[in-house]
C-alpha atoms as a PDB file:
ATOM      1  CA  MET A   1     -13.744 -20.186  38.655  1.00  0.00           C
ATOM      2  CA  LYS A   2     -10.542 -21.890  39.714  1.00  0.00           C
ATOM      3  CA  VAL A   3      -7.296 -20.613  38.184  1.00  0.00           C
ATOM      4  CA  TYR A   4      -3.815 -22.096  38.107  1.00  0.00           C
ATOM      5  CA  GLY A   5      -0.713 -20.946  36.304  1.00  0.00           C
ATOM      6  CA  VAL A   6       2.194 -22.544  34.508  1.00  0.00           C
ATOM      7  CA  VAL A   7       5.281 -20.330  34.537  1.00  0.00           C
ATOM      8  CA  GLY A   8       8.942 -20.632  33.657  1.00  0.00           C
ATOM      9  CA  TRP A   9      11.618 -19.097  31.510  1.00  0.00           C
ATOM     10  CA  LYS A  10      11.774 -19.476  27.721  1.00  0.00           C
ATOM     11  CA  ASN A  11      12.265 -23.098  26.581  1.00  0.00           C
ATOM     12  CA  ALA A  12      11.346 -24.455  30.021  1.00  0.00           C
ATOM     13  CA  GLY A  13       8.524 -26.633  28.673  1.00  0.00           C
ATOM     14  CA  LYS A  14       5.550 -24.435  29.621  1.00  0.00           C
ATOM     15  CA  THR A  15       3.520 -24.868  26.444  1.00  0.00           C
ATOM     16  CA  GLY A  16       4.025 -28.625  26.265  1.00  0.00           C
ATOM     17  CA  LEU A  17       3.035 -28.961  29.919  1.00  0.00           C
ATOM     18  CA  MET A  18      -0.038 -26.766  29.342  1.00  0.00           C
ATOM     19  CA  GLU A  19      -1.086 -28.883  26.370  1.00  0.00           C
ATOM     20  CA  ARG A  20      -0.704 -32.126  28.324  1.00  0.00           C
ATOM     21  CA  LEU A  21      -2.516 -30.719  31.379  1.00  0.00           C
ATOM     22  CA  VAL A  22      -5.478 -29.560  29.278  1.00  0.00           C
ATOM     23  CA  ALA A  23      -5.765 -33.020  27.695  1.00  0.00           C
ATOM     24  CA  GLU A  24      -5.374 -34.798  31.055  1.00  0.00           C
ATOM     25  CA  ILE A  25      -7.826 -32.636  32.991  1.00  0.00           C
ATOM     26  CA  THR A  26     -10.484 -32.475  30.268  1.00  0.00           C
ATOM     27  CA  GLY A  27     -10.091 -36.237  29.918  1.00  0.00           C
ATOM     28  CA  ARG A  28     -11.226 -36.494  33.544  1.00  0.00           C
ATOM     29  CA  GLY A  29     -14.437 -34.659  32.706  1.00  0.00           C
ATOM     30  CA  TYR A  30     -13.565 -31.106  33.763  1.00  0.00           C
ATOM     31  CA  SER A  31     -14.042 -28.084  31.517  1.00  0.00           C
ATOM     32  CA  VAL A  32     -10.824 -26.119  31.012  1.00  0.00           C
ATOM     33  CA  SER A  33     -10.015 -22.814  29.329  1.00  0.00           C
ATOM     34  CA  THR A  34      -6.577 -21.275  28.888  1.00  0.00           C
ATOM     35  CA  VAL A  35      -4.995 -17.840  28.915  1.00  0.00           C
ATOM     36  CA  LYS A  36      -1.603 -17.305  27.254  1.00  0.00           C
ATOM     37  CA  HIS A  37       0.420 -14.151  27.802  1.00  0.00           C
ATOM     38  CA  ALA A  38       2.483 -12.945  24.841  1.00  0.00           C
ATOM     39  CA  HIS A  39       5.393 -10.590  25.489  1.00  0.00           C
ATOM     40  CA  HIS A  40       5.348  -9.447  21.897  1.00  0.00           C
ATOM     41  CA  SER A  41       2.792  -8.088  19.492  1.00  0.00           C
ATOM     42  CA  PHE A  42       0.703 -10.741  17.790  1.00  0.00           C
ATOM     43  CA  ASP A  43      -2.124 -10.893  15.303  1.00  0.00           C
ATOM     44  CA  VAL A  44      -4.761 -13.544  14.766  1.00  0.00           C
ATOM     45  CA  ASP A  45      -6.020 -11.690  11.738  1.00  0.00           C
ATOM     46  CA  HIS A  46      -4.557 -11.399   8.235  1.00  0.00           C
ATOM     47  CA  GLU A  47      -4.082  -8.410   5.978  1.00  0.00           C
ATOM     48  CA  GLY A  48      -6.685  -8.262   3.239  1.00  0.00           C
ATOM     49  CA  LYS A  49      -9.326 -10.263   5.111  1.00  0.00           C
ATOM     50  CA  ASP A  50     -12.613  -8.494   5.841  1.00  0.00           C
ATOM     51  CA  SER A  51     -12.121  -8.588   9.624  1.00  0.00           C
ATOM     52  CA  HIS A  52      -8.635  -7.072   9.262  1.00  0.00           C
ATOM     53  CA  ARG A  53     -10.068  -4.333   7.069  1.00  0.00           C
ATOM     54  CA  HIS A  54     -12.655  -3.562   9.778  1.00  0.00           C
ATOM     55  CA  ARG A  55      -9.907  -3.183  12.393  1.00  0.00           C
ATOM     56  CA  VAL A  56      -7.708  -1.030  10.173  1.00  0.00           C
ATOM     57  CA  ALA A  57     -10.717   1.178   9.466  1.00  0.00           C
ATOM     58  CA  GLY A  58     -10.910   1.911  13.204  1.00  0.00           C
ATOM     59  CA  ALA A  59     -13.271  -0.603  14.804  1.00  0.00           C
ATOM     60  CA  THR A  60     -12.576  -1.065  18.515  1.00  0.00           C
ATOM     61  CA  GLU A  61     -13.827  -4.663  18.485  1.00  0.00           C
ATOM     62  CA  VAL A  62     -14.325  -7.129  15.669  1.00  0.00           C
ATOM     63  CA  LEU A  63     -16.108 -10.405  16.328  1.00  0.00           C
ATOM     64  CA  LEU A  64     -15.364 -13.041  13.710  1.00  0.00           C
ATOM     65  CA  ALA A  65     -17.693 -16.053  13.811  1.00  0.00           C
ATOM     66  CA  SER A  66     -18.248 -19.331  12.003  1.00  0.00           C
ATOM     67  CA  ARG A  67     -20.064 -22.540  12.809  1.00  0.00           C
ATOM     68  CA  ASN A  68     -16.855 -23.904  14.447  1.00  0.00           C
ATOM     69  CA  ARG A  69     -15.612 -20.994  16.585  1.00  0.00           C
ATOM     70  CA  PHE A  70     -15.652 -17.287  17.181  1.00  0.00           C
ATOM     71  CA  ALA A  71     -12.893 -14.830  17.998  1.00  0.00           C
ATOM     72  CA  LEU A  72     -13.343 -11.410  19.519  1.00  0.00           C
ATOM     73  CA  MET A  73     -10.498  -9.050  18.713  1.00  0.00           C
ATOM     74  CA  HIS A  74     -10.257  -5.899  20.798  1.00  0.00           C
ATOM     75  CA  GLU A  75      -7.867  -3.189  19.646  1.00  0.00           C
ATOM     76  CA  LEU A  76      -6.172  -1.495  22.575  1.00  0.00           C
ATOM     77  CA  ARG A  77      -5.266   1.585  20.512  1.00  0.00           C
ATOM     78  CA  ASP A  78      -4.145   3.962  23.307  1.00  0.00           C
ATOM     79  CA  GLU A  79      -5.174   1.741  26.242  1.00  0.00           C
ATOM     80  CA  ASP A  80      -2.826   0.005  28.675  1.00  0.00           C
ATOM     81  CA  GLU A  81      -2.364  -3.743  28.470  1.00  0.00           C
ATOM     82  CA  PRO A  82      -5.347  -5.344  30.231  1.00  0.00           C
ATOM     83  CA  THR A  83      -4.746  -7.025  33.568  1.00  0.00           C
ATOM     84  CA  LEU A  84      -5.146 -10.755  34.011  1.00  0.00           C
ATOM     85  CA  GLU A  85      -8.002 -10.052  36.429  1.00  0.00           C
ATOM     86  CA  PHE A  86      -9.860  -8.135  33.695  1.00  0.00           C
ATOM     87  CA  LEU A  87      -9.173 -10.792  31.050  1.00  0.00           C
ATOM     88  CA  LEU A  88     -10.544 -13.537  33.290  1.00  0.00           C
ATOM     89  CA  THR A  89     -13.904 -11.727  33.299  1.00  0.00           C
ATOM     90  CA  LYS A  90     -14.054 -12.278  29.522  1.00  0.00           C
ATOM     91  CA  ILE A  91     -13.937 -16.080  29.776  1.00  0.00           C
ATOM     92  CA  ALA A  92     -17.128 -18.118  29.985  1.00  0.00           C
ATOM     93  CA  PRO A  93     -17.452 -20.125  33.217  1.00  0.00           C
ATOM     94  CA  VAL A  94     -15.453 -23.374  33.320  1.00  0.00           C
ATOM     95  CA  ASP A  95     -14.139 -25.633  36.065  1.00  0.00           C
ATOM     96  CA  LEU A  96     -10.512 -24.516  35.662  1.00  0.00           C
ATOM     97  CA  ILE A  97      -8.599 -21.828  33.813  1.00  0.00           C
ATOM     98  CA  LEU A  98      -4.960 -22.657  33.145  1.00  0.00           C
ATOM     99  CA  ILE A  99      -2.762 -19.607  32.648  1.00  0.00           C
ATOM    100  CA  GLU A 100       0.540 -19.701  30.776  1.00  0.00           C
ATOM    101  CA  GLY A 101       2.716 -16.780  31.765  1.00  0.00           C
ATOM    102  CA  TYR A 102       1.702 -13.924  34.037  1.00  0.00           C
ATOM    103  CA  LYS A 103       4.410 -15.060  36.443  1.00  0.00           C
ATOM    104  CA  ARG A 104       4.197 -11.845  38.481  1.00  0.00           C
ATOM    105  CA  ASP A 105       0.475 -12.229  39.243  1.00  0.00           C
ATOM    106  CA  VAL A 106      -0.656 -13.722  42.552  1.00  0.00           C
ATOM    107  CA  HIS A 107      -2.570 -16.853  41.477  1.00  0.00           C
ATOM    108  CA  PRO A 108      -1.125 -20.288  42.375  1.00  0.00           C
ATOM    109  CA  LYS A 109       1.368 -21.689  39.885  1.00  0.00           C
ATOM    110  CA  VAL A 110       3.564 -24.607  38.950  1.00  0.00           C
ATOM    111  CA  GLU A 111       6.968 -23.772  37.498  1.00  0.00           C
ATOM    112  CA  ALA A 112       8.196 -25.667  34.441  1.00  0.00           C
ATOM    113  CA  HIS A 113      11.965 -26.035  34.553  1.00  0.00           C
ATOM    114  CA  ARG A 114      14.481 -27.661  32.230  1.00  0.00           C
ATOM    115  CA  GLN A 115      18.147 -27.876  33.112  1.00  0.00           C
ATOM    116  CA  GLU A 116      19.450 -27.417  29.555  1.00  0.00           C
ATOM    117  CA  PRO A 117      18.711 -23.705  28.982  1.00  0.00           C
ATOM    118  CA  GLY A 118      20.567 -22.943  32.234  1.00  0.00           C
ATOM    119  CA  ASN A 119      17.982 -20.537  33.627  1.00  0.00           C
ATOM    120  CA  PRO A 120      17.646 -20.127  37.398  1.00  0.00           C
ATOM    121  CA  LEU A 121      14.564 -21.339  39.221  1.00  0.00           C
ATOM    122  CA  ILE A 122      11.859 -18.776  39.911  1.00  0.00           C
ATOM    123  CA  ALA A 123      10.324 -20.772  42.791  1.00  0.00           C
ATOM    124  CA  PRO A 124      12.806 -19.981  45.598  1.00  0.00           C
ATOM    125  CA  ASP A 125      11.825 -16.295  45.483  1.00  0.00           C
ATOM    126  CA  ASP A 126       8.119 -16.735  44.672  1.00  0.00           C
ATOM    127  CA  PRO A 127       5.690 -18.166  47.238  1.00  0.00           C
ATOM    128  CA  THR A 128       2.879 -18.312  44.629  1.00  0.00           C
ATOM    129  CA  ILE A 129       4.746 -21.180  42.943  1.00  0.00           C
ATOM    130  CA  ARG A 130       3.320 -24.205  44.739  1.00  0.00           C
ATOM    131  CA  ALA A 131       5.328 -26.883  42.900  1.00  0.00           C
ATOM    132  CA  VAL A 132       8.014 -27.351  40.255  1.00  0.00           C
ATOM    133  CA  ALA A 133       7.915 -29.696  37.273  1.00  0.00           C
ATOM    134  CA  SER A 134      11.497 -30.381  36.213  1.00  0.00           C
ATOM    135  CA  ASP A 135      13.632 -32.688  34.102  1.00  0.00           C
ATOM    136  CA  VAL A 136      16.192 -32.938  36.958  1.00  0.00           C
ATOM    137  CA  ASP A 137      15.946 -33.709  40.665  1.00  0.00           C
ATOM    138  CA  LEU A 138      15.744 -30.592  42.813  1.00  0.00           C
ATOM    139  CA  ASP A 139      15.896 -30.061  46.564  1.00  0.00           C
ATOM    140  CA  LEU A 140      13.159 -27.514  47.316  1.00  0.00           C
ATOM    141  CA  ASP A 141      10.738 -26.635  50.095  1.00  0.00           C
ATOM    142  CA  ARG A 142       7.771 -27.602  47.883  1.00  0.00           C
ATOM    143  CA  PRO A 143       6.831 -30.584  45.720  1.00  0.00           C
ATOM    144  CA  VAL A 144       8.972 -31.371  42.682  1.00  0.00           C
ATOM    145  CA  PHE A 145       7.490 -33.486  39.891  1.00  0.00           C
ATOM    146  CA  ASP A 146       9.030 -35.034  36.822  1.00  0.00           C
ATOM    147  CA  LEU A 147       8.223 -32.626  33.984  1.00  0.00           C
ATOM    148  CA  ASP A 148       6.693 -35.504  32.012  1.00  0.00           C
ATOM    149  CA  ASP A 149       4.527 -36.863  34.867  1.00  0.00           C
ATOM    150  CA  THR A 150       1.417 -35.077  33.681  1.00  0.00           C
ATOM    151  CA  ARG A 151      -0.946 -37.243  35.723  1.00  0.00           C
ATOM    152  CA  ALA A 152       0.783 -36.419  39.037  1.00  0.00           C
ATOM    153  CA  ILE A 153       1.003 -32.712  38.192  1.00  0.00           C
ATOM    154  CA  ALA A 154      -2.710 -32.660  37.258  1.00  0.00           C
ATOM    155  CA  ASP A 155      -3.583 -34.475  40.500  1.00  0.00           C
ATOM    156  CA  PHE A 156      -1.639 -31.855  42.478  1.00  0.00           C
ATOM    157  CA  ILE A 157      -3.248 -28.886  40.702  1.00  0.00           C
ATOM    158  CA  LEU A 158      -6.777 -30.270  41.021  1.00  0.00           C
ATOM    159  CA  ARG A 159      -6.327 -30.970  44.730  1.00  0.00           C
ATOM    160  CA  ASP A 160      -4.711 -27.559  45.273  1.00  0.00           C
ATOM    161  CA  VAL A 161      -7.726 -25.745  43.786  1.00  0.00           C
ATOM    162  CA  GLY A 162     -10.220 -27.943  45.635  1.00  0.00           C
ATOM    163  CA  LEU A 163     -11.385 -30.173  42.775  1.00  0.00           C
ATOM    164  CA  ASP A 164     -11.500 -33.962  42.985  1.00  0.00           C
ATOM    165  CA  ALA A 165      -8.486 -35.371  41.139  1.00  0.00           C
ATOM    166  CA  SER A 166     -10.572 -38.320  39.885  1.00  0.00           C
ATOM    167  CA  GLY A 167     -13.068 -36.034  38.095  1.00  0.00           C
ATOM    168  CA  PRO A 168     -16.434 -34.409  38.708  1.00  0.00           C
END
């Protein structure tokens, strides 16, 4: 499977760019899945629900299923945080996996950058960042796209991973 990341500091526009890229690329006929790294603890379950009760009782994995979706929750208990490489093995085959976060991993990435938060660019010190999507003009040694030019960014990503930008 092809993988491509979207990285950037907090409030750089990563999630909005991810959302637009998924819509753009799936609209071209490609199947896309996403991985989102969270730097904090999170829960997709709710106290009092049966699945939560199973986890609290000690289950290592709880699979919650309905006719619309399923979610597999794996409790890490005393395990280390899983690597991105391991997590990718858990995703069903698709044309492209878009990854939000995991900026230190070695897959190709586009950096989302907004001037307003005042954060420095990651790209100058990271060769895995193949392009930058920004709300200001930048002079870099790699392509710079307007942060809102989703079509051009999608074209670049699809070409970079070896997929036809016009669709399958």
